[in-house]
Amino acid sequence: MIADQLVVNNKEERATFEKDKASESPKRSIAKSISWRIVGTIDTIIISWIVTGTLSLAFSIGLVELVTKMVLYFFHERVWNGIKWGK
């Protein structure tokens, strides 16, 4: 039942919750940022190439997007890691 899933009844579930709550390290956030940006940047380069028709311009757009969005994502993850809602 849904109510059973919402209520933590035993110590094992509480221990798992506490472990999960603290499991996201900054290094993990960096690794996730990098892997996601690789996928996102490939997408941006392909779309930019289709729109502009110029591969060099597409790579330039992709490079700028890679750096800015990776930094933004890292800070976004760190902020959300500090929010207790939903944990």
PDB file of N, CA and C in Angstrom:
ATOM      1  N   MET A   1       0.824  -1.175   0.000  1.00  0.00           N
ATOM      2  CA  MET A   1       0.000   0.000   0.000  1.00  0.00           C
ATOM      3  C   MET A   1       0.875   1.248   0.000  1.00  0.00           C
ATOM      4  N   ILE A   2       0.326   2.313  -0.486  1.00  0.00           N
ATOM      5  CA  ILE A   2       1.067   3.573  -0.547  1.00  0.00           C
ATOM      6  C   ILE A   2       1.402   4.071   0.850  1.00  0.00           C
ATOM      7  N   ALA A   3       0.458   3.942   1.776  1.00  0.00           N
ATOM      8  CA  ALA A   3       0.707   4.410   3.148  1.00  0.00           C
ATOM      9  C   ALA A   3       1.897   3.678   3.760  1.00  0.00           C
ATOM     10  N   ASP A   4       2.033   2.392   3.475  1.00  0.00           N
ATOM     11  CA  ASP A   4       3.167   1.625   3.998  1.00  0.00           C
ATOM     12  C   ASP A   4       4.489   2.152   3.459  1.00  0.00           C
ATOM     13  N   GLN A   5       4.511   2.598   2.226  1.00  0.00           N
ATOM     14  CA  GLN A   5       5.728   3.114   1.623  1.00  0.00           C
ATOM     15  C   GLN A   5       6.109   4.479   2.188  1.00  0.00           C
ATOM     16  N   LEU A   6       5.140   5.227   2.659  1.00  0.00           N
ATOM     17  CA  LEU A   6       5.406   6.565   3.178  1.00  0.00           C
ATOM     18  C   LEU A   6       5.870   6.569   4.622  1.00  0.00           C
ATOM     19  N   VAL A   7       5.565   5.509   5.354  1.00  0.00           N
ATOM     20  CA  VAL A   7       5.890   5.453   6.771  1.00  0.00           C
ATOM     21  C   VAL A   7       7.099   4.556   6.983  1.00  0.00           C
ATOM     22  N   VAL A   8       8.102   5.081   7.681  1.00  0.00           N
ATOM     23  CA  VAL A   8       9.288   4.291   8.005  1.00  0.00           C
ATOM     24  C   VAL A   8       9.028   3.606   9.337  1.00  0.00           C
ATOM     25  N   ASN A   9       8.975   2.257   9.315  1.00  0.00           N
ATOM     26  CA  ASN A   9       8.569   1.527  10.513  1.00  0.00           C
ATOM     27  C   ASN A   9       9.704   0.885  11.289  1.00  0.00           C
ATOM     28  N   ASN A  10      10.820   0.538  10.649  1.00  0.00           N
ATOM     29  CA  ASN A  10      11.841  -0.190  11.400  1.00  0.00           C
ATOM     30  C   ASN A  10      13.211   0.452  11.251  1.00  0.00           C
ATOM     31  N   LYS A  11      14.151   0.006  12.067  1.00  0.00           N
ATOM     32  CA  LYS A  11      15.487   0.605  12.097  1.00  0.00           C
ATOM     33  C   LYS A  11      16.248   0.379  10.798  1.00  0.00           C
ATOM     34  N   GLU A  12      16.027  -0.759  10.147  1.00  0.00           N
ATOM     35  CA  GLU A  12      16.728  -1.038   8.888  1.00  0.00           C
ATOM     36  C   GLU A  12      16.359  -0.005   7.833  1.00  0.00           C
ATOM     37  N   GLU A  13      15.084   0.324   7.718  1.00  0.00           N
ATOM     38  CA  GLU A  13      14.656   1.336   6.753  1.00  0.00           C
ATOM     39  C   GLU A  13      15.218   2.710   7.121  1.00  0.00           C
ATOM     40  N   ARG A  14      15.251   3.004   8.417  1.00  0.00           N
ATOM     41  CA  ARG A  14      15.815   4.289   8.849  1.00  0.00           C
ATOM     42  C   ARG A  14      17.300   4.363   8.542  1.00  0.00           C
ATOM     43  N   ALA A  15      18.022   3.251   8.749  1.00  0.00           N
ATOM     44  CA  ALA A  15      19.463   3.224   8.460  1.00  0.00           C
ATOM     45  C   ALA A  15      19.705   3.435   6.975  1.00  0.00           C
ATOM     46  N   THR A  16      18.899   2.810   6.129  1.00  0.00           N
ATOM     47  CA  THR A  16      19.028   2.988   4.687  1.00  0.00           C
ATOM     48  C   THR A  16      18.757   4.440   4.315  1.00  0.00           C
ATOM     49  N   PHE A  17      17.728   5.022   4.928  1.00  0.00           N
ATOM     50  CA  PHE A  17      17.404   6.425   4.668  1.00  0.00           C
ATOM     51  C   PHE A  17      18.569   7.329   5.047  1.00  0.00           C
ATOM     52  N   GLU A  18      19.153   7.109   6.228  1.00  0.00           N
ATOM     53  CA  GLU A  18      20.271   7.938   6.672  1.00  0.00           C
ATOM     54  C   GLU A  18      21.464   7.782   5.734  1.00  0.00           C
ATOM     55  N   LYS A  19      21.733   6.554   5.287  1.00  0.00           N
ATOM     56  CA  LYS A  19      22.852   6.313   4.363  1.00  0.00           C
ATOM     57  C   LYS A  19      22.600   7.037   3.041  1.00  0.00           C
ATOM     58  N   ASP A  20      21.409   6.899   2.486  1.00  0.00           N
ATOM     59  CA  ASP A  20      21.082   7.534   1.216  1.00  0.00           C
ATOM     60  C   ASP A  20      21.151   9.054   1.323  1.00  0.00           C
ATOM     61  N   LYS A  21      20.725   9.596   2.452  1.00  0.00           N
ATOM     62  CA  LYS A  21      20.691  11.040   2.644  1.00  0.00           C
ATOM     63  C   LYS A  21      22.093  11.643   2.551  1.00  0.00           C
ATOM     64  N   ALA A  22      23.099  10.909   2.995  1.00  0.00           N
ATOM     65  CA  ALA A  22      24.460  11.435   3.036  1.00  0.00           C
ATOM     66  C   ALA A  22      25.350  10.862   1.931  1.00  0.00           C
ATOM     67  N   SER A  23      24.803  10.099   0.992  1.00  0.00           N
ATOM     68  CA  SER A  23      25.641   9.362   0.042  1.00  0.00           C
ATOM     69  C   SER A  23      26.144  10.187  -1.141  1.00  0.00           C
ATOM     70  N   GLU A  24      25.600  11.344  -1.399  1.00  0.00           N
ATOM     71  CA  GLU A  24      25.998  12.129  -2.567  1.00  0.00           C
ATOM     72  C   GLU A  24      27.174  13.029  -2.216  1.00  0.00           C
ATOM     73  N   SER A  25      28.375  12.610  -2.603  1.00  0.00           N
ATOM     74  CA  SER A  25      29.576  13.392  -2.325  1.00  0.00           C
ATOM     75  C   SER A  25      29.821  14.400  -3.453  1.00  0.00           C
ATOM     76  N   PRO A  26      30.612  15.429  -3.178  1.00  0.00           N
ATOM     77  CA  PRO A  26      30.955  16.362  -4.249  1.00  0.00           C
ATOM     78  C   PRO A  26      31.647  15.681  -5.434  1.00  0.00           C
ATOM     79  N   LYS A  27      32.476  14.674  -5.170  1.00  0.00           N
ATOM     80  CA  LYS A  27      33.147  13.953  -6.271  1.00  0.00           C
ATOM     81  C   LYS A  27      32.124  13.256  -7.160  1.00  0.00           C
ATOM     82  N   ARG A  28      31.100  12.672  -6.544  1.00  0.00           N
ATOM     83  CA  ARG A  28      30.052  12.025  -7.321  1.00  0.00           C
ATOM     84  C   ARG A  28      29.305  13.058  -8.164  1.00  0.00           C
ATOM     85  N   SER A  29      29.040  14.212  -7.586  1.00  0.00           N
ATOM     86  CA  SER A  29      28.371  15.281  -8.340  1.00  0.00           C
ATOM     87  C   SER A  29      29.210  15.716  -9.532  1.00  0.00           C
ATOM     88  N   ILE A  30      30.525  15.791  -9.353  1.00  0.00           N
ATOM     89  CA  ILE A  30      31.421  16.153 -10.460  1.00  0.00           C
ATOM     90  C   ILE A  30      31.373  15.090 -11.553  1.00  0.00           C
ATOM     91  N   ALA A  31      31.447  13.816 -11.172  1.00  0.00           N
ATOM     92  CA  ALA A  31      31.405  12.723 -12.159  1.00  0.00           C
ATOM     93  C   ALA A  31      30.079  12.734 -12.923  1.00  0.00           C
ATOM     94  N   LYS A  32      28.980  12.938 -12.222  1.00  0.00           N
ATOM     95  CA  LYS A  32      27.680  13.013 -12.875  1.00  0.00           C
ATOM     96  C   LYS A  32      27.613  14.219 -13.802  1.00  0.00           C
ATOM     97  N   SER A  33      28.175  15.335 -13.382  1.00  0.00           N
ATOM     98  CA  SER A  33      28.192  16.533 -14.217  1.00  0.00           C
ATOM     99  C   SER A  33      28.929  16.278 -15.519  1.00  0.00           C
ATOM    100  N   ILE A  34      30.075  15.650 -15.430  1.00  0.00           N
ATOM    101  CA  ILE A  34      30.899  15.388 -16.617  1.00  0.00           C
ATOM    102  C   ILE A  34      30.192  14.429 -17.570  1.00  0.00           C
ATOM    103  N   SER A  35      29.680  13.322 -17.043  1.00  0.00           N
ATOM    104  CA  SER A  35      29.029  12.341 -17.926  1.00  0.00           C
ATOM    105  C   SER A  35      27.786  12.924 -18.593  1.00  0.00           C
ATOM    106  N   TRP A  36      27.006  13.681 -17.849  1.00  0.00           N
ATOM    107  CA  TRP A  36      25.813  14.287 -18.432  1.00  0.00           C
ATOM    108  C   TRP A  36      26.175  15.342 -19.462  1.00  0.00           C
ATOM    109  N   ARG A  37      27.221  16.113 -19.210  1.00  0.00           N
ATOM    110  CA  ARG A  37      27.620  17.147 -20.157  1.00  0.00           C
ATOM    111  C   ARG A  37      28.147  16.553 -21.452  1.00  0.00           C
ATOM    112  N   ILE A  38      28.790  15.410 -21.402  1.00  0.00           N
ATOM    113  CA  ILE A  38      29.235  14.761 -22.643  1.00  0.00           C
ATOM    114  C   ILE A  38      28.023  14.469 -23.528  1.00  0.00           C
ATOM    115  N   VAL A  39      26.997  13.874 -22.940  1.00  0.00           N
ATOM    116  CA  VAL A  39      25.776  13.571 -23.689  1.00  0.00           C
ATOM    117  C   VAL A  39      25.123  14.870 -24.185  1.00  0.00           C
ATOM    118  N   GLY A  40      24.995  15.848 -23.297  1.00  0.00           N
ATOM    119  CA  GLY A  40      24.351  17.107 -23.662  1.00  0.00           C
ATOM    120  C   GLY A  40      25.111  17.884 -24.721  1.00  0.00           C
ATOM    121  N   THR A  41      26.432  17.861 -24.635  1.00  0.00           N
ATOM    122  CA  THR A  41      27.246  18.605 -25.603  1.00  0.00           C
ATOM    123  C   THR A  41      27.194  17.964 -26.987  1.00  0.00           C
ATOM    124  N   ILE A  42      27.208  16.655 -27.042  1.00  0.00           N
ATOM    125  CA  ILE A  42      27.060  15.978 -28.339  1.00  0.00           C
ATOM    126  C   ILE A  42      25.731  16.377 -28.969  1.00  0.00           C
ATOM    127  N   ASP A  43      24.677  16.400 -28.169  1.00  0.00           N
ATOM    128  CA  ASP A  43      23.357  16.820 -28.651  1.00  0.00           C
ATOM    129  C   ASP A  43      23.393  18.258 -29.164  1.00  0.00           C
ATOM    130  N   THR A  44      24.011  19.160 -28.396  1.00  0.00           N
ATOM    131  CA  THR A  44      24.098  20.569 -28.797  1.00  0.00           C
ATOM    132  C   THR A  44      24.883  20.733 -30.095  1.00  0.00           C
ATOM    133  N   ILE A  45      25.992  20.009 -30.223  1.00  0.00           N
ATOM    134  CA  ILE A  45      26.801  20.107 -31.448  1.00  0.00           C
ATOM    135  C   ILE A  45      25.996  19.640 -32.659  1.00  0.00           C
ATOM    136  N   ILE A  46      25.290  18.535 -32.510  1.00  0.00           N
ATOM    137  CA  ILE A  46      24.499  18.017 -33.635  1.00  0.00           C
ATOM    138  C   ILE A  46      23.395  19.006 -34.017  1.00  0.00           C
ATOM    139  N   ILE A  47      22.684  19.510 -33.025  1.00  0.00           N
ATOM    140  CA  ILE A  47      21.610  20.471 -33.310  1.00  0.00           C
ATOM    141  C   ILE A  47      22.189  21.760 -33.920  1.00  0.00           C
ATOM    142  N   SER A  48      23.298  22.249 -33.373  1.00  0.00           N
ATOM    143  CA  SER A  48      23.924  23.462 -33.901  1.00  0.00           C
ATOM    144  C   SER A  48      24.389  23.260 -35.337  1.00  0.00           C
ATOM    145  N   TRP A  49      24.912  22.099 -35.638  1.00  0.00           N
ATOM    146  CA  TRP A  49      25.368  21.784 -36.990  1.00  0.00           C
ATOM    147  C   TRP A  49      24.188  21.774 -37.961  1.00  0.00           C
ATOM    148  N   ILE A  50      23.080  21.161 -37.529  1.00  0.00           N
ATOM    149  CA  ILE A  50      21.889  21.113 -38.380  1.00  0.00           C
ATOM    150  C   ILE A  50      21.350  22.526 -38.622  1.00  0.00           C
ATOM    151  N   VAL A  51      21.306  23.342 -37.575  1.00  0.00           N
ATOM    152  CA  VAL A  51      20.740  24.694 -37.684  1.00  0.00           C
ATOM    153  C   VAL A  51      21.651  25.630 -38.481  1.00  0.00           C
ATOM    154  N   THR A  52      22.969  25.586 -38.182  1.00  0.00           N
ATOM    155  CA  THR A  52      23.891  26.536 -38.829  1.00  0.00           C
ATOM    156  C   THR A  52      24.481  26.004 -40.129  1.00  0.00           C
ATOM    157  N   GLY A  53      24.582  24.702 -40.235  1.00  0.00           N
ATOM    158  CA  GLY A  53      25.209  24.106 -41.413  1.00  0.00           C
ATOM    159  C   GLY A  53      26.724  24.209 -41.392  1.00  0.00           C
ATOM    160  N   THR A  54      27.290  24.681 -40.293  1.00  0.00           N
ATOM    161  CA  THR A  54      28.735  24.880 -40.166  1.00  0.00           C
ATOM    162  C   THR A  54      29.251  24.078 -38.976  1.00  0.00           C
ATOM    163  N   LEU A  55      30.102  23.099 -39.283  1.00  0.00           N
ATOM    164  CA  LEU A  55      30.609  22.229 -38.229  1.00  0.00           C
ATOM    165  C   LEU A  55      31.505  22.970 -37.243  1.00  0.00           C
ATOM    166  N   SER A  56      32.350  23.881 -37.725  1.00  0.00           N
ATOM    167  CA  SER A  56      33.238  24.615 -36.812  1.00  0.00           C
ATOM    168  C   SER A  56      32.435  25.502 -35.846  1.00  0.00           C
ATOM    169  N   LEU A  57      31.389  26.135 -36.339  1.00  0.00           N
ATOM    170  CA  LEU A  57      30.525  26.937 -35.473  1.00  0.00           C
ATOM    171  C   LEU A  57      29.793  26.036 -34.464  1.00  0.00           C
ATOM    172  N   ALA A  58      29.360  24.876 -34.912  1.00  0.00           N
ATOM    173  CA  ALA A  58      28.682  23.926 -34.021  1.00  0.00           C
ATOM    174  C   ALA A  58      29.605  23.500 -32.882  1.00  0.00           C
ATOM    175  N   PHE A  59      30.877  23.223 -33.186  1.00  0.00           N
ATOM    176  CA  PHE A  59      31.835  22.845 -32.136  1.00  0.00           C
ATOM    177  C   PHE A  59      32.114  24.021 -31.190  1.00  0.00           C
ATOM    178  N   SER A  60      32.158  25.235 -31.718  1.00  0.00           N
ATOM    179  CA  SER A  60      32.359  26.415 -30.869  1.00  0.00           C
ATOM    180  C   SER A  60      31.199  26.580 -29.885  1.00  0.00           C
ATOM    181  N   ILE A  61      29.998  26.453 -30.378  1.00  0.00           N
ATOM    182  CA  ILE A  61      28.812  26.535 -29.518  1.00  0.00           C
ATOM    183  C   ILE A  61      28.855  25.409 -28.482  1.00  0.00           C
ATOM    184  N   GLY A  62      29.195  24.211 -28.920  1.00  0.00           N
ATOM    185  CA  GLY A  62      29.273  23.065 -28.011  1.00  0.00           C
ATOM    186  C   GLY A  62      30.304  23.245 -26.917  1.00  0.00           C
ATOM    187  N   LEU A  63      31.447  23.856 -27.247  1.00  0.00           N
ATOM    188  CA  LEU A  63      32.500  24.064 -26.244  1.00  0.00           C
ATOM    189  C   LEU A  63      32.059  25.054 -25.169  1.00  0.00           C
ATOM    190  N   VAL A  64      31.463  26.153 -25.576  1.00  0.00           N
ATOM    191  CA  VAL A  64      30.974  27.141 -24.608  1.00  0.00           C
ATOM    192  C   VAL A  64      29.888  26.513 -23.737  1.00  0.00           C
ATOM    193  N   GLU A  65      28.973  25.820 -24.363  1.00  0.00           N
ATOM    194  CA  GLU A  65      27.867  25.173 -23.655  1.00  0.00           C
ATOM    195  C   GLU A  65      28.387  24.123 -22.682  1.00  0.00           C
ATOM    196  N   LEU A  66      29.415  23.387 -23.061  1.00  0.00           N
ATOM    197  CA  LEU A  66      29.998  22.349 -22.202  1.00  0.00           C
ATOM    198  C   LEU A  66      30.454  22.934 -20.873  1.00  0.00           C
ATOM    199  N   VAL A  67      31.218  23.984 -20.937  1.00  0.00           N
ATOM    200  CA  VAL A  67      31.794  24.575 -19.725  1.00  0.00           C
ATOM    201  C   VAL A  67      30.712  25.222 -18.853  1.00  0.00           C
ATOM    202  N   THR A  68      29.885  26.054 -19.452  1.00  0.00           N
ATOM    203  CA  THR A  68      28.900  26.781 -18.646  1.00  0.00           C
ATOM    204  C   THR A  68      27.876  25.855 -18.008  1.00  0.00           C
ATOM    205  N   LYS A  69      27.378  24.903 -18.739  1.00  0.00           N
ATOM    206  CA  LYS A  69      26.349  24.026 -18.181  1.00  0.00           C
ATOM    207  C   LYS A  69      26.912  23.028 -17.170  1.00  0.00           C
ATOM    208  N   MET A  70      28.164  22.635 -17.311  1.00  0.00           N
ATOM    209  CA  MET A  70      28.767  21.742 -16.328  1.00  0.00           C
ATOM    210  C   MET A  70      28.890  22.452 -14.979  1.00  0.00           C
ATOM    211  N   VAL A  71      29.319  23.687 -15.003  1.00  0.00           N
ATOM    212  CA  VAL A  71      29.440  24.463 -13.762  1.00  0.00           C
ATOM    213  C   VAL A  71      28.058  24.691 -13.145  1.00  0.00           C
ATOM    214  N   LEU A  72      27.096  25.083 -13.955  1.00  0.00           N
ATOM    215  CA  LEU A  72      25.741  25.307 -13.457  1.00  0.00           C
ATOM    216  C   LEU A  72      25.137  24.031 -12.866  1.00  0.00           C
ATOM    217  N   TYR A  73      25.348  22.912 -13.534  1.00  0.00           N
ATOM    218  CA  TYR A  73      24.806  21.635 -13.046  1.00  0.00           C
ATOM    219  C   TYR A  73      25.426  21.249 -11.706  1.00  0.00           C
ATOM    220  N   PHE A  74      26.730  21.431 -11.562  1.00  0.00           N
ATOM    221  CA  PHE A  74      27.396  21.089 -10.302  1.00  0.00           C
ATOM    222  C   PHE A  74      26.765  21.857  -9.147  1.00  0.00           C
ATOM    223  N   PHE A  75      26.612  23.167  -9.299  1.00  0.00           N
ATOM    224  CA  PHE A  75      26.032  23.965  -8.224  1.00  0.00           C
ATOM    225  C   PHE A  75      24.557  23.631  -7.999  1.00  0.00           C
ATOM    226  N   HIS A  76      23.844  23.329  -9.063  1.00  0.00           N
ATOM    227  CA  HIS A  76      22.454  22.902  -8.955  1.00  0.00           C
ATOM    228  C   HIS A  76      22.358  21.625  -8.116  1.00  0.00           C
ATOM    229  N   GLU A  77      23.212  20.652  -8.384  1.00  0.00           N
ATOM    230  CA  GLU A  77      23.242  19.401  -7.612  1.00  0.00           C
ATOM    231  C   GLU A  77      23.583  19.650  -6.148  1.00  0.00           C
ATOM    232  N   ARG A  78      24.555  20.501  -5.885  1.00  0.00           N
ATOM    233  CA  ARG A  78      24.966  20.769  -4.503  1.00  0.00           C
ATOM    234  C   ARG A  78      23.837  21.444  -3.726  1.00  0.00           C
ATOM    235  N   VAL A  79      23.124  22.374  -4.374  1.00  0.00           N
ATOM    236  CA  VAL A  79      21.992  23.021  -3.712  1.00  0.00           C
ATOM    237  C   VAL A  79      20.915  21.989  -3.395  1.00  0.00           C
ATOM    238  N   TRP A  80      20.560  21.164  -4.381  1.00  0.00           N
ATOM    239  CA  TRP A  80      19.528  20.153  -4.156  1.00  0.00           C
ATOM    240  C   TRP A  80      19.959  19.113  -3.128  1.00  0.00           C
ATOM    241  N   ASN A  81      21.241  18.822  -3.039  1.00  0.00           N
ATOM    242  CA  ASN A  81      21.708  17.863  -2.049  1.00  0.00           C
ATOM    243  C   ASN A  81      21.489  18.405  -0.629  1.00  0.00           C
ATOM    244  N   GLY A  82      21.454  19.706  -0.465  1.00  0.00           N
ATOM    245  CA  GLY A  82      21.226  20.311   0.844  1.00  0.00           C
ATOM    246  C   GLY A  82      19.749  20.468   1.204  1.00  0.00           C
ATOM    247  N   ILE A  83      18.866  20.221   0.264  1.00  0.00           N
ATOM    248  CA  ILE A  83      17.422  20.341   0.511  1.00  0.00           C
ATOM    249  C   ILE A  83      16.902  19.003   1.018  1.00  0.00           C
ATOM    250  N   LYS A  84      16.268  19.011   2.161  1.00  0.00           N
ATOM    251  CA  LYS A  84      15.806  17.773   2.787  1.00  0.00           C
ATOM    252  C   LYS A  84      14.501  17.253   2.191  1.00  0.00           C
ATOM    253  N   TRP A  85      13.767  18.083   1.464  1.00  0.00           N
ATOM    254  CA  TRP A  85      12.484  17.688   0.913  1.00  0.00           C
ATOM    255  C   TRP A  85      12.623  16.453   0.006  1.00  0.00           C
ATOM    256  N   GLY A  86      11.842  15.434   0.237  1.00  0.00           N
ATOM    257  CA  GLY A  86      11.833  14.237  -0.601  1.00  0.00           C
ATOM    258  C   GLY A  86      12.893  13.203  -0.269  1.00  0.00           C
ATOM    259  N   LYS A  87      13.719  13.457   0.721  1.00  0.00           N
ATOM    260  CA  LYS A  87      14.751  12.473   1.081  1.00  0.00           C
ATOM    261  C   LYS A  87      14.215  11.507   2.101  1.00  0.00           C
TER     262      LYS A  87
END
